[in-house]
């Protein structure tokens, strides 16, 4: 196990744990799932914000349009992050994941 790093003397770099390829793939897929969950929470919060703004009696059209623009910007940002996650998933599936040939049954 290599314990040295190429960090500058002023920085303390943590030692990275050694993991198997299978565990690395699982970790990557889990990180994608967690990021997807976080993005869904963000979209849900935007929805609640829009519903709350529309239910307010004292809000004028200009303020509603500002809230709508904010929500639109957030949806676009989430859509861009979804593309990054899609690329990450495609990288894992095309380069790191090799299905096991053990314990597979064939229909006869």
PDB file of N, CA and C in Angstrom:
ATOM      1  N   UNK A   1       0.842  -1.178   0.000  1.00  0.00           N
ATOM      2  CA  UNK A   1       0.000   0.000   0.000  1.00  0.00           C
ATOM      3  C   UNK A   1       0.884   1.236   0.000  1.00  0.00           C
ATOM      4  N   UNK A   2       0.609   2.159  -0.909  1.00  0.00           N
ATOM      5  CA  UNK A   2       1.378   3.394  -0.990  1.00  0.00           C
ATOM      6  C   UNK A   2       0.798   4.380   0.004  1.00  0.00           C
ATOM      7  N   UNK A   3       1.645   4.929   0.872  1.00  0.00           N
ATOM      8  CA  UNK A   3       1.154   5.874   1.864  1.00  0.00           C
ATOM      9  C   UNK A   3       1.605   7.293   1.563  1.00  0.00           C
ATOM     10  N   UNK A   4       2.479   7.462   0.605  1.00  0.00           N
ATOM     11  CA  UNK A   4       2.951   8.798   0.266  1.00  0.00           C
ATOM     12  C   UNK A   4       2.032   9.437  -0.758  1.00  0.00           C
ATOM     13  N   UNK A   5       1.967  10.783  -0.695  1.00  0.00           N
ATOM     14  CA  UNK A   5       1.178  11.529  -1.662  1.00  0.00           C
ATOM     15  C   UNK A   5       2.057  12.598  -2.280  1.00  0.00           C
ATOM     16  N   UNK A   6       1.581  13.197  -3.346  1.00  0.00           N
ATOM     17  CA  UNK A   6       2.315  14.244  -4.015  1.00  0.00           C
ATOM     18  C   UNK A   6       1.860  15.625  -3.587  1.00  0.00           C
ATOM     19  N   UNK A   7       1.327  15.753  -2.390  1.00  0.00           N
ATOM     20  CA  UNK A   7       0.839  17.035  -1.913  1.00  0.00           C
ATOM     21  C   UNK A   7       2.006  17.924  -1.507  1.00  0.00           C
ATOM     22  N   UNK A   8       1.724  19.218  -1.527  1.00  0.00           N
ATOM     23  CA  UNK A   8       2.742  20.156  -1.064  1.00  0.00           C
ATOM     24  C   UNK A   8       2.928  19.980   0.431  1.00  0.00           C
ATOM     25  N   UNK A   9       4.090  20.361   0.962  1.00  0.00           N
ATOM     26  CA  UNK A   9       4.348  20.153   2.390  1.00  0.00           C
ATOM     27  C   UNK A   9       3.378  20.885   3.313  1.00  0.00           C
ATOM     28  N   UNK A  10       2.721  21.933   2.831  1.00  0.00           N
ATOM     29  CA  UNK A  10       1.826  22.695   3.701  1.00  0.00           C
ATOM     30  C   UNK A  10       0.429  22.080   3.787  1.00  0.00           C
ATOM     31  N   UNK A  11       0.099  21.164   2.886  1.00  0.00           N
ATOM     32  CA  UNK A  11      -1.229  20.555   2.890  1.00  0.00           C
ATOM     33  C   UNK A  11      -1.172  19.151   3.466  1.00  0.00           C
ATOM     34  N   UNK A  12      -2.178  18.828   4.241  1.00  0.00           N
ATOM     35  CA  UNK A  12      -2.319  17.476   4.755  1.00  0.00           C
ATOM     36  C   UNK A  12      -3.360  16.773   3.902  1.00  0.00           C
ATOM     37  N   UNK A  13      -2.943  15.791   3.145  1.00  0.00           N
ATOM     38  CA  UNK A  13      -3.870  15.042   2.296  1.00  0.00           C
ATOM     39  C   UNK A  13      -4.277  13.756   3.008  1.00  0.00           C
ATOM     40  N   UNK A  14      -5.587  13.492   3.031  1.00  0.00           N
ATOM     41  CA  UNK A  14      -6.018  12.248   3.673  1.00  0.00           C
ATOM     42  C   UNK A  14      -5.633  11.048   2.820  1.00  0.00           C
ATOM     43  N   UNK A  15      -5.361   9.962   3.483  1.00  0.00           N
ATOM     44  CA  UNK A  15      -5.069   8.718   2.768  1.00  0.00           C
ATOM     45  C   UNK A  15      -6.379   8.178   2.220  1.00  0.00           C
ATOM     46  N   UNK A  16      -6.379   7.813   0.966  1.00  0.00           N
ATOM     47  CA  UNK A  16      -7.584   7.253   0.354  1.00  0.00           C
ATOM     48  C   UNK A  16      -7.634   5.755   0.607  1.00  0.00           C
ATOM     49  N   UNK A  17      -8.804   5.254   0.978  1.00  0.00           N
ATOM     50  CA  UNK A  17      -8.896   3.818   1.235  1.00  0.00           C
ATOM     51  C   UNK A  17      -8.812   3.026  -0.065  1.00  0.00           C
ATOM     52  N   UNK A  18      -8.267   1.856   0.010  1.00  0.00           N
ATOM     53  CA  UNK A  18      -8.220   0.967  -1.144  1.00  0.00           C
ATOM     54  C   UNK A  18      -9.535   0.188  -1.173  1.00  0.00           C
ATOM     55  N   UNK A  19     -10.176   0.178  -2.322  1.00  0.00           N
ATOM     56  CA  UNK A  19     -11.433  -0.559  -2.460  1.00  0.00           C
ATOM     57  C   UNK A  19     -11.367  -1.414  -3.718  1.00  0.00           C
ATOM     58  N   UNK A  20     -12.206  -2.416  -3.742  1.00  0.00           N
ATOM     59  CA  UNK A  20     -12.278  -3.280  -4.921  1.00  0.00           C
ATOM     60  C   UNK A  20     -13.013  -2.540  -6.037  1.00  0.00           C
ATOM     61  N   UNK A  21     -12.895  -3.051  -7.253  1.00  0.00           N
ATOM     62  CA  UNK A  21     -13.614  -2.461  -8.373  1.00  0.00           C
ATOM     63  C   UNK A  21     -15.117  -2.542  -8.148  1.00  0.00           C
ATOM     64  N   UNK A  22     -15.587  -3.679  -7.630  1.00  0.00           N
ATOM     65  CA  UNK A  22     -17.019  -3.819  -7.348  1.00  0.00           C
ATOM     66  C   UNK A  22     -17.502  -2.768  -6.358  1.00  0.00           C
ATOM     67  N   UNK A  23     -16.711  -2.535  -5.294  1.00  0.00           N
ATOM     68  CA  UNK A  23     -17.112  -1.538  -4.303  1.00  0.00           C
ATOM     69  C   UNK A  23     -17.066  -0.137  -4.892  1.00  0.00           C
ATOM     70  N   UNK A  24     -16.094   0.126  -5.750  1.00  0.00           N
ATOM     71  CA  UNK A  24     -16.014   1.439  -6.397  1.00  0.00           C
ATOM     72  C   UNK A  24     -17.242   1.691  -7.265  1.00  0.00           C
ATOM     73  N   UNK A  25     -17.682   0.679  -8.012  1.00  0.00           N
ATOM     74  CA  UNK A  25     -18.875   0.817  -8.845  1.00  0.00           C
ATOM     75  C   UNK A  25     -20.097   1.052  -7.968  1.00  0.00           C
ATOM     76  N   UNK A  26     -20.219   0.295  -6.897  1.00  0.00           N
ATOM     77  CA  UNK A  26     -21.344   0.475  -5.971  1.00  0.00           C
ATOM     78  C   UNK A  26     -21.331   1.881  -5.392  1.00  0.00           C
ATOM     79  N   UNK A  27     -20.163   2.365  -4.996  1.00  0.00           N
ATOM     80  CA  UNK A  27     -20.054   3.714  -4.439  1.00  0.00           C
ATOM     81  C   UNK A  27     -20.453   4.779  -5.461  1.00  0.00           C
ATOM     82  N   UNK A  28     -20.018   4.601  -6.704  1.00  0.00           N
ATOM     83  CA  UNK A  28     -20.377   5.556  -7.756  1.00  0.00           C
ATOM     84  C   UNK A  28     -21.883   5.546  -8.010  1.00  0.00           C
ATOM     85  N   UNK A  29     -22.482   4.361  -8.083  1.00  0.00           N
ATOM     86  CA  UNK A  29     -23.931   4.278  -8.304  1.00  0.00           C
ATOM     87  C   UNK A  29     -24.704   4.866  -7.123  1.00  0.00           C
ATOM     88  N   UNK A  30     -24.200   4.625  -5.927  1.00  0.00           N
ATOM     89  CA  UNK A  30     -24.854   5.207  -4.747  1.00  0.00           C
ATOM     90  C   UNK A  30     -24.761   6.723  -4.768  1.00  0.00           C
ATOM     91  N   UNK A  31     -23.622   7.260  -5.187  1.00  0.00           N
ATOM     92  CA  UNK A  31     -23.485   8.717  -5.243  1.00  0.00           C
ATOM     93  C   UNK A  31     -24.438   9.310  -6.272  1.00  0.00           C
ATOM     94  N   UNK A  32     -24.629   8.624  -7.391  1.00  0.00           N
ATOM     95  CA  UNK A  32     -25.584   9.093  -8.396  1.00  0.00           C
ATOM     96  C   UNK A  32     -26.995   9.087  -7.816  1.00  0.00           C
ATOM     97  N   UNK A  33     -27.350   8.022  -7.127  1.00  0.00           N
ATOM     98  CA  UNK A  33     -28.689   7.919  -6.526  1.00  0.00           C
ATOM     99  C   UNK A  33     -28.910   9.018  -5.487  1.00  0.00           C
ATOM    100  N   UNK A  34     -27.907   9.299  -4.672  1.00  0.00           N
ATOM    101  CA  UNK A  34     -28.039  10.355  -3.660  1.00  0.00           C
ATOM    102  C   UNK A  34     -28.178  11.728  -4.306  1.00  0.00           C
ATOM    103  N   UNK A  35     -27.443  11.961  -5.374  1.00  0.00           N
ATOM    104  CA  UNK A  35     -27.550  13.240  -6.078  1.00  0.00           C
ATOM    105  C   UNK A  35     -28.916  13.377  -6.742  1.00  0.00           C
ATOM    106  N   UNK A  36     -29.422  12.290  -7.301  1.00  0.00           N
ATOM    107  CA  UNK A  36     -30.763  12.318  -7.887  1.00  0.00           C
ATOM    108  C   UNK A  36     -31.805  12.652  -6.819  1.00  0.00           C
ATOM    109  N   UNK A  37     -31.661  12.054  -5.653  1.00  0.00           N
ATOM    110  CA  UNK A  37     -32.583  12.333  -4.557  1.00  0.00           C
ATOM    111  C   UNK A  37     -32.515  13.799  -4.147  1.00  0.00           C
ATOM    112  N   UNK A  38     -31.318  14.345  -4.052  1.00  0.00           N
ATOM    113  CA  UNK A  38     -31.152  15.754  -3.688  1.00  0.00           C
ATOM    114  C   UNK A  38     -31.806  16.663  -4.728  1.00  0.00           C
ATOM    115  N   UNK A  39     -31.637  16.337  -5.997  1.00  0.00           N
ATOM    116  CA  UNK A  39     -32.247  17.156  -7.055  1.00  0.00           C
ATOM    117  C   UNK A  39     -33.769  17.093  -6.991  1.00  0.00           C
ATOM    118  N   UNK A  40     -34.310  15.927  -6.651  1.00  0.00           N
ATOM    119  CA  UNK A  40     -35.772  15.835  -6.544  1.00  0.00           C
ATOM    120  C   UNK A  40     -36.283  16.682  -5.379  1.00  0.00           C
ATOM    121  N   UNK A  41     -35.514  16.744  -4.294  1.00  0.00           N
ATOM    122  CA  UNK A  41     -35.898  17.598  -3.162  1.00  0.00           C
ATOM    123  C   UNK A  41     -35.864  19.073  -3.559  1.00  0.00           C
ATOM    124  N   UNK A  42     -34.882  19.448  -4.363  1.00  0.00           N
ATOM    125  CA  UNK A  42     -34.792  20.833  -4.825  1.00  0.00           C
ATOM    126  C   UNK A  42     -36.008  21.186  -5.678  1.00  0.00           C
ATOM    127  N   UNK A  43     -36.374  20.300  -6.596  1.00  0.00           N
ATOM    128  CA  UNK A  43     -37.544  20.560  -7.439  1.00  0.00           C
ATOM    129  C   UNK A  43     -38.826  20.614  -6.614  1.00  0.00           C
ATOM    130  N   UNK A  44     -38.931  19.763  -5.623  1.00  0.00           N
ATOM    131  CA  UNK A  44     -40.096  19.775  -4.739  1.00  0.00           C
ATOM    132  C   UNK A  44     -40.176  21.100  -3.973  1.00  0.00           C
ATOM    133  N   UNK A  45     -39.053  21.600  -3.502  1.00  0.00           N
ATOM    134  CA  UNK A  45     -39.018  22.881  -2.787  1.00  0.00           C
ATOM    135  C   UNK A  45     -39.423  24.023  -3.722  1.00  0.00           C
ATOM    136  N   UNK A  46     -38.990  23.966  -4.975  1.00  0.00           N
ATOM    137  CA  UNK A  46     -39.391  24.990  -5.944  1.00  0.00           C
ATOM    138  C   UNK A  46     -40.895  24.958  -6.168  1.00  0.00           C
ATOM    139  N   UNK A  47     -41.464  23.774  -6.228  1.00  0.00           N
ATOM    140  CA  UNK A  47     -42.903  23.632  -6.399  1.00  0.00           C
ATOM    141  C   UNK A  47     -43.656  24.240  -5.220  1.00  0.00           C
ATOM    142  N   UNK A  48     -43.191  23.936  -4.006  1.00  0.00           N
ATOM    143  CA  UNK A  48     -43.827  24.500  -2.811  1.00  0.00           C
ATOM    144  C   UNK A  48     -43.713  26.018  -2.787  1.00  0.00           C
ATOM    145  N   UNK A  49     -42.554  26.521  -3.224  1.00  0.00           N
ATOM    146  CA  UNK A  49     -42.347  27.978  -3.255  1.00  0.00           C
ATOM    147  C   UNK A  49     -43.346  28.624  -4.217  1.00  0.00           C
ATOM    148  N   UNK A  50     -43.540  28.021  -5.389  1.00  0.00           N
ATOM    149  CA  UNK A  50     -44.493  28.568  -6.351  1.00  0.00           C
ATOM    150  C   UNK A  50     -45.916  28.524  -5.802  1.00  0.00           C
ATOM    151  N   UNK A  51     -46.297  27.401  -5.185  1.00  0.00           N
ATOM    152  CA  UNK A  51     -47.651  27.286  -4.628  1.00  0.00           C
ATOM    153  C   UNK A  51     -47.875  28.314  -3.526  1.00  0.00           C
ATOM    154  N   UNK A  52     -46.866  28.505  -2.688  1.00  0.00           N
ATOM    155  CA  UNK A  52     -46.987  29.479  -1.607  1.00  0.00           C
ATOM    156  C   UNK A  52     -47.126  30.886  -2.155  1.00  0.00           C
ATOM    157  N   UNK A  53     -46.320  31.229  -3.151  1.00  0.00           N
ATOM    158  CA  UNK A  53     -46.379  32.565  -3.733  1.00  0.00           C
ATOM    159  C   UNK A  53     -47.739  32.817  -4.382  1.00  0.00           C
ATOM    160  N   UNK A  54     -48.277  31.809  -5.056  1.00  0.00           N
ATOM    161  CA  UNK A  54     -49.562  31.988  -5.728  1.00  0.00           C
ATOM    162  C   UNK A  54     -50.713  32.092  -4.735  1.00  0.00           C
ATOM    163  N   UNK A  55     -50.556  31.533  -3.561  1.00  0.00           N
ATOM    164  CA  UNK A  55     -51.620  31.578  -2.555  1.00  0.00           C
ATOM    165  C   UNK A  55     -51.621  32.883  -1.764  1.00  0.00           C
ATOM    166  N   UNK A  56     -50.555  33.646  -1.875  1.00  0.00           N
ATOM    167  CA  UNK A  56     -50.470  34.899  -1.113  1.00  0.00           C
ATOM    168  C   UNK A  56     -51.380  35.951  -1.748  1.00  0.00           C
ATOM    169  N   UNK A  57     -52.171  36.600  -0.929  1.00  0.00           N
ATOM    170  CA  UNK A  57     -53.123  37.592  -1.415  1.00  0.00           C
ATOM    171  C   UNK A  57     -52.431  38.902  -1.811  1.00  0.00           C
ATOM    172  N   UNK A  58     -51.376  39.285  -1.086  1.00  0.00           N
ATOM    173  CA  UNK A  58     -50.752  40.588  -1.293  1.00  0.00           C
ATOM    174  C   UNK A  58     -49.662  40.598  -2.366  1.00  0.00           C
ATOM    175  N   UNK A  59     -49.434  39.472  -3.046  1.00  0.00           N
ATOM    176  CA  UNK A  59     -48.388  39.395  -4.057  1.00  0.00           C
ATOM    177  C   UNK A  59     -48.928  39.919  -5.386  1.00  0.00           C
ATOM    178  N   UNK A  60     -48.148  40.823  -5.989  1.00  0.00           N
ATOM    179  CA  UNK A  60     -48.568  41.347  -7.298  1.00  0.00           C
ATOM    180  C   UNK A  60     -47.954  40.517  -8.423  1.00  0.00           C
ATOM    181  N   UNK A  61     -48.359  40.830  -9.644  1.00  0.00           N
ATOM    182  CA  UNK A  61     -47.917  40.067 -10.811  1.00  0.00           C
ATOM    183  C   UNK A  61     -46.405  40.118 -10.981  1.00  0.00           C
ATOM    184  N   UNK A  62     -45.808  41.267 -10.712  1.00  0.00           N
ATOM    185  CA  UNK A  62     -44.355  41.410 -10.863  1.00  0.00           C
ATOM    186  C   UNK A  62     -43.602  40.449  -9.946  1.00  0.00           C
ATOM    187  N   UNK A  63     -44.049  40.348  -8.711  1.00  0.00           N
ATOM    188  CA  UNK A  63     -43.405  39.420  -7.766  1.00  0.00           C
ATOM    189  C   UNK A  63     -43.614  37.970  -8.176  1.00  0.00           C
ATOM    190  N   UNK A  64     -44.807  37.652  -8.664  1.00  0.00           N
ATOM    191  CA  UNK A  64     -45.063  36.286  -9.129  1.00  0.00           C
ATOM    192  C   UNK A  64     -44.164  35.933 -10.310  1.00  0.00           C
ATOM    193  N   UNK A  65     -43.938  36.884 -11.192  1.00  0.00           N
ATOM    194  CA  UNK A  65     -43.051  36.645 -12.326  1.00  0.00           C
ATOM    195  C   UNK A  65     -41.612  36.449 -11.866  1.00  0.00           C
ATOM    196  N   UNK A  66     -41.206  37.159 -10.834  1.00  0.00           N
ATOM    197  CA  UNK A  66     -39.860  36.973 -10.274  1.00  0.00           C
ATOM    198  C   UNK A  66     -39.708  35.573  -9.678  1.00  0.00           C
ATOM    199  N   UNK A  67     -40.728  35.129  -8.952  1.00  0.00           N
ATOM    200  CA  UNK A  67     -40.702  33.782  -8.381  1.00  0.00           C
ATOM    201  C   UNK A  67     -40.670  32.750  -9.504  1.00  0.00           C
ATOM    202  N   UNK A  68     -41.451  32.980 -10.545  1.00  0.00           N
ATOM    203  CA  UNK A  68     -41.474  32.068 -11.679  1.00  0.00           C
ATOM    204  C   UNK A  68     -40.109  32.020 -12.376  1.00  0.00           C
ATOM    205  N   UNK A  69     -39.479  33.169 -12.564  1.00  0.00           N
ATOM    206  CA  UNK A  69     -38.146  33.196 -13.183  1.00  0.00           C
ATOM    207  C   UNK A  69     -37.130  32.447 -12.325  1.00  0.00           C
ATOM    208  N   UNK A  70     -37.239  32.611 -11.014  1.00  0.00           N
ATOM    209  CA  UNK A  70     -36.337  31.906 -10.103  1.00  0.00           C
ATOM    210  C   UNK A  70     -36.525  30.397 -10.228  1.00  0.00           C
ATOM    211  N   UNK A  71     -37.778  29.967 -10.271  1.00  0.00           N
ATOM    212  CA  UNK A  71     -38.067  28.538 -10.402  1.00  0.00           C
ATOM    213  C   UNK A  71     -37.589  28.014 -11.752  1.00  0.00           C
ATOM    214  N   UNK A  72     -37.792  28.794 -12.795  1.00  0.00           N
ATOM    215  CA  UNK A  72     -37.337  28.389 -14.126  1.00  0.00           C
ATOM    216  C   UNK A  72     -35.825  28.222 -14.159  1.00  0.00           C
ATOM    217  N   UNK A  73     -35.117  29.166 -13.560  1.00  0.00           N
ATOM    218  CA  UNK A  73     -33.652  29.062 -13.500  1.00  0.00           C
ATOM    219  C   UNK A  73     -33.208  27.822 -12.737  1.00  0.00           C
ATOM    220  N   UNK A  74     -33.909  27.509 -11.651  1.00  0.00           N
ATOM    221  CA  UNK A  74     -33.551  26.331 -10.867  1.00  0.00           C
ATOM    222  C   UNK A  74     -33.834  25.051 -11.658  1.00  0.00           C
ATOM    223  N   UNK A  75     -34.933  25.004 -12.368  1.00  0.00           N
ATOM    224  CA  UNK A  75     -35.257  23.826 -13.177  1.00  0.00           C
ATOM    225  C   UNK A  75     -34.190  23.631 -14.260  1.00  0.00           C
ATOM    226  N   UNK A  76     -33.756  24.723 -14.886  1.00  0.00           N
ATOM    227  CA  UNK A  76     -32.698  24.614 -15.888  1.00  0.00           C
ATOM    228  C   UNK A  76     -31.394  24.111 -15.266  1.00  0.00           C
ATOM    229  N   UNK A  77     -31.069  24.622 -14.079  1.00  0.00           N
ATOM    230  CA  UNK A  77     -29.849  24.173 -13.398  1.00  0.00           C
ATOM    231  C   UNK A  77     -29.940  22.688 -13.062  1.00  0.00           C
ATOM    232  N   UNK A  78     -31.097  22.253 -12.583  1.00  0.00           N
ATOM    233  CA  UNK A  78     -31.289  20.833 -12.254  1.00  0.00           C
ATOM    234  C   UNK A  78     -31.196  19.980 -13.523  1.00  0.00           C
ATOM    235  N   UNK A  79     -31.766  20.466 -14.614  1.00  0.00           N
ATOM    236  CA  UNK A  79     -31.694  19.727 -15.878  1.00  0.00           C
ATOM    237  C   UNK A  79     -30.239  19.563 -16.326  1.00  0.00           C
ATOM    238  N   UNK A  80     -29.445  20.605 -16.159  1.00  0.00           N
ATOM    239  CA  UNK A  80     -28.024  20.513 -16.510  1.00  0.00           C
ATOM    240  C   UNK A  80     -27.305  19.505 -15.622  1.00  0.00           C
ATOM    241  N   UNK A  81     -27.624  19.500 -14.346  1.00  0.00           N
ATOM    242  CA  UNK A  81     -27.007  18.534 -13.436  1.00  0.00           C
ATOM    243  C   UNK A  81     -27.454  17.110 -13.777  1.00  0.00           C
ATOM    244  N   UNK A  82     -28.688  16.955 -14.231  1.00  0.00           N
ATOM    245  CA  UNK A  82     -29.168  15.638 -14.651  1.00  0.00           C
ATOM    246  C   UNK A  82     -28.329  15.112 -15.819  1.00  0.00           C
ATOM    247  N   UNK A  83     -27.951  15.990 -16.737  1.00  0.00           N
ATOM    248  CA  UNK A  83     -27.106  15.567 -17.861  1.00  0.00           C
ATOM    249  C   UNK A  83     -25.741  15.101 -17.372  1.00  0.00           C
ATOM    250  N   UNK A  84     -25.210  15.793 -16.365  1.00  0.00           N
ATOM    251  CA  UNK A  84     -23.927  15.380 -15.789  1.00  0.00           C
ATOM    252  C   UNK A  84     -24.060  14.005 -15.145  1.00  0.00           C
ATOM    253  N   UNK A  85     -25.140  13.789 -14.411  1.00  0.00           N
ATOM    254  CA  UNK A  85     -25.362  12.485 -13.783  1.00  0.00           C
ATOM    255  C   UNK A  85     -25.560  11.390 -14.823  1.00  0.00           C
ATOM    256  N   UNK A  86     -26.243  11.719 -15.911  1.00  0.00           N
ATOM    257  CA  UNK A  86     -26.415  10.751 -16.999  1.00  0.00           C
ATOM    258  C   UNK A  86     -25.063  10.370 -17.577  1.00  0.00           C
ATOM    259  N   UNK A  87     -24.200  11.351 -17.788  1.00  0.00           N
ATOM    260  CA  UNK A  87     -22.854  11.069 -18.300  1.00  0.00           C
ATOM    261  C   UNK A  87     -22.063  10.211 -17.315  1.00  0.00           C
ATOM    262  N   UNK A  88     -22.210  10.508 -16.039  1.00  0.00           N
ATOM    263  CA  UNK A  88     -21.515   9.739 -15.004  1.00  0.00           C
ATOM    264  C   UNK A  88     -21.991   8.285 -15.014  1.00  0.00           C
ATOM    265  N   UNK A  89     -23.299   8.089 -15.113  1.00  0.00           N
ATOM    266  CA  UNK A  89     -23.855   6.739 -15.147  1.00  0.00           C
ATOM    267  C   UNK A  89     -23.406   5.996 -16.404  1.00  0.00           C
ATOM    268  N   UNK A  90     -23.405   6.679 -17.540  1.00  0.00           N
ATOM    269  CA  UNK A  90     -22.943   6.037 -18.776  1.00  0.00           C
ATOM    270  C   UNK A  90     -21.472   5.665 -18.688  1.00  0.00           C
ATOM    271  N   UNK A  91     -20.658   6.520 -18.055  1.00  0.00           N
ATOM    272  CA  UNK A  91     -19.243   6.197 -17.882  1.00  0.00           C
ATOM    273  C   UNK A  91     -19.085   4.935 -17.050  1.00  0.00           C
ATOM    274  N   UNK A  92     -19.813   4.865 -15.940  1.00  0.00           N
ATOM    275  CA  UNK A  92     -19.721   3.684 -15.074  1.00  0.00           C
ATOM    276  C   UNK A  92     -20.160   2.442 -15.835  1.00  0.00           C
ATOM    277  N   UNK A  93     -21.303   2.527 -16.524  1.00  0.00           N
ATOM    278  CA  UNK A  93     -21.816   1.330 -17.185  1.00  0.00           C
ATOM    279  C   UNK A  93     -20.970   0.924 -18.390  1.00  0.00           C
ATOM    280  N   UNK A  94     -20.352   1.867 -19.066  1.00  0.00           N
ATOM    281  CA  UNK A  94     -19.558   1.539 -20.255  1.00  0.00           C
ATOM    282  C   UNK A  94     -18.103   1.187 -19.946  1.00  0.00           C
ATOM    283  N   UNK A  95     -17.591   1.648 -18.823  1.00  0.00           N
ATOM    284  CA  UNK A  95     -16.164   1.482 -18.558  1.00  0.00           C
ATOM    285  C   UNK A  95     -15.819   0.700 -17.301  1.00  0.00           C
ATOM    286  N   UNK A  96     -16.712   0.651 -16.345  1.00  0.00           N
ATOM    287  CA  UNK A  96     -16.349   0.036 -15.068  1.00  0.00           C
ATOM    288  C   UNK A  96     -17.177  -1.186 -14.714  1.00  0.00           C
ATOM    289  N   UNK A  97     -18.375  -1.270 -15.233  1.00  0.00           N
ATOM    290  CA  UNK A  97     -19.268  -2.353 -14.816  1.00  0.00           C
ATOM    291  C   UNK A  97     -19.185  -3.515 -15.797  1.00  0.00           C
ATOM    292  N   UNK A  98     -18.818  -4.650 -15.262  1.00  0.00           N
ATOM    293  CA  UNK A  98     -18.778  -5.879 -16.051  1.00  0.00           C
ATOM    294  C   UNK A  98     -19.656  -6.896 -15.341  1.00  0.00           C
ATOM    295  N   UNK A  99     -20.830  -7.190 -15.907  1.00  0.00           N
ATOM    296  CA  UNK A  99     -21.746  -8.120 -15.224  1.00  0.00           C
ATOM    297  C   UNK A  99     -21.075  -9.462 -14.962  1.00  0.00           C
ATOM    298  N   UNK A 100     -21.373 -10.005 -13.828  1.00  0.00           N
ATOM    299  CA  UNK A 100     -20.828 -11.296 -13.448  1.00  0.00           C
ATOM    300  C   UNK A 100     -21.451 -12.391 -14.305  1.00  0.00           C
ATOM    301  N   UNK A 101     -20.613 -13.341 -14.725  1.00  0.00           N
ATOM    302  CA  UNK A 101     -21.128 -14.473 -15.485  1.00  0.00           C
ATOM    303  C   UNK A 101     -21.415 -15.646 -14.568  1.00  0.00           C
ATOM    304  N   UNK A 102     -21.078 -15.495 -13.283  1.00  0.00           N
ATOM    305  CA  UNK A 102     -21.355 -16.547 -12.307  1.00  0.00           C
ATOM    306  C   UNK A 102     -22.823 -16.487 -11.908  1.00  0.00           C
ATOM    307  N   UNK A 103     -23.353 -17.608 -11.498  1.00  0.00           N
ATOM    308  CA  UNK A 103     -24.729 -17.707 -10.982  1.00  0.00           C
ATOM    309  C   UNK A 103     -25.774 -17.246 -11.972  1.00  0.00           C
ATOM    310  N   UNK A 104     -25.493 -17.319 -13.254  1.00  0.00           N
ATOM    311  CA  UNK A 104     -26.512 -16.967 -14.237  1.00  0.00           C
ATOM    312  C   UNK A 104     -27.125 -18.250 -14.774  1.00  0.00           C
ATOM    313  N   UNK A 105     -28.421 -18.200 -14.971  1.00  0.00           N
ATOM    314  CA  UNK A 105     -29.099 -19.376 -15.501  1.00  0.00           C
ATOM    315  C   UNK A 105     -29.605 -19.065 -16.892  1.00  0.00           C
ATOM    316  N   UNK A 106     -29.637 -20.044 -17.719  1.00  0.00           N
ATOM    317  CA  UNK A 106     -30.164 -19.869 -19.066  1.00  0.00           C
ATOM    318  C   UNK A 106     -31.423 -20.691 -19.217  1.00  0.00           C
ATOM    319  N   UNK A 107     -32.376 -20.129 -19.919  1.00  0.00           N
ATOM    320  CA  UNK A 107     -33.639 -20.844 -20.155  1.00  0.00           C
ATOM    321  C   UNK A 107     -33.415 -21.880 -21.241  1.00  0.00           C
ATOM    322  N   UNK A 108     -33.927 -23.074 -21.006  1.00  0.00           N
ATOM    323  CA  UNK A 108     -33.763 -24.131 -22.008  1.00  0.00           C
ATOM    324  C   UNK A 108     -35.096 -24.578 -22.518  1.00  0.00           C
TER     325      UNK A 108
END
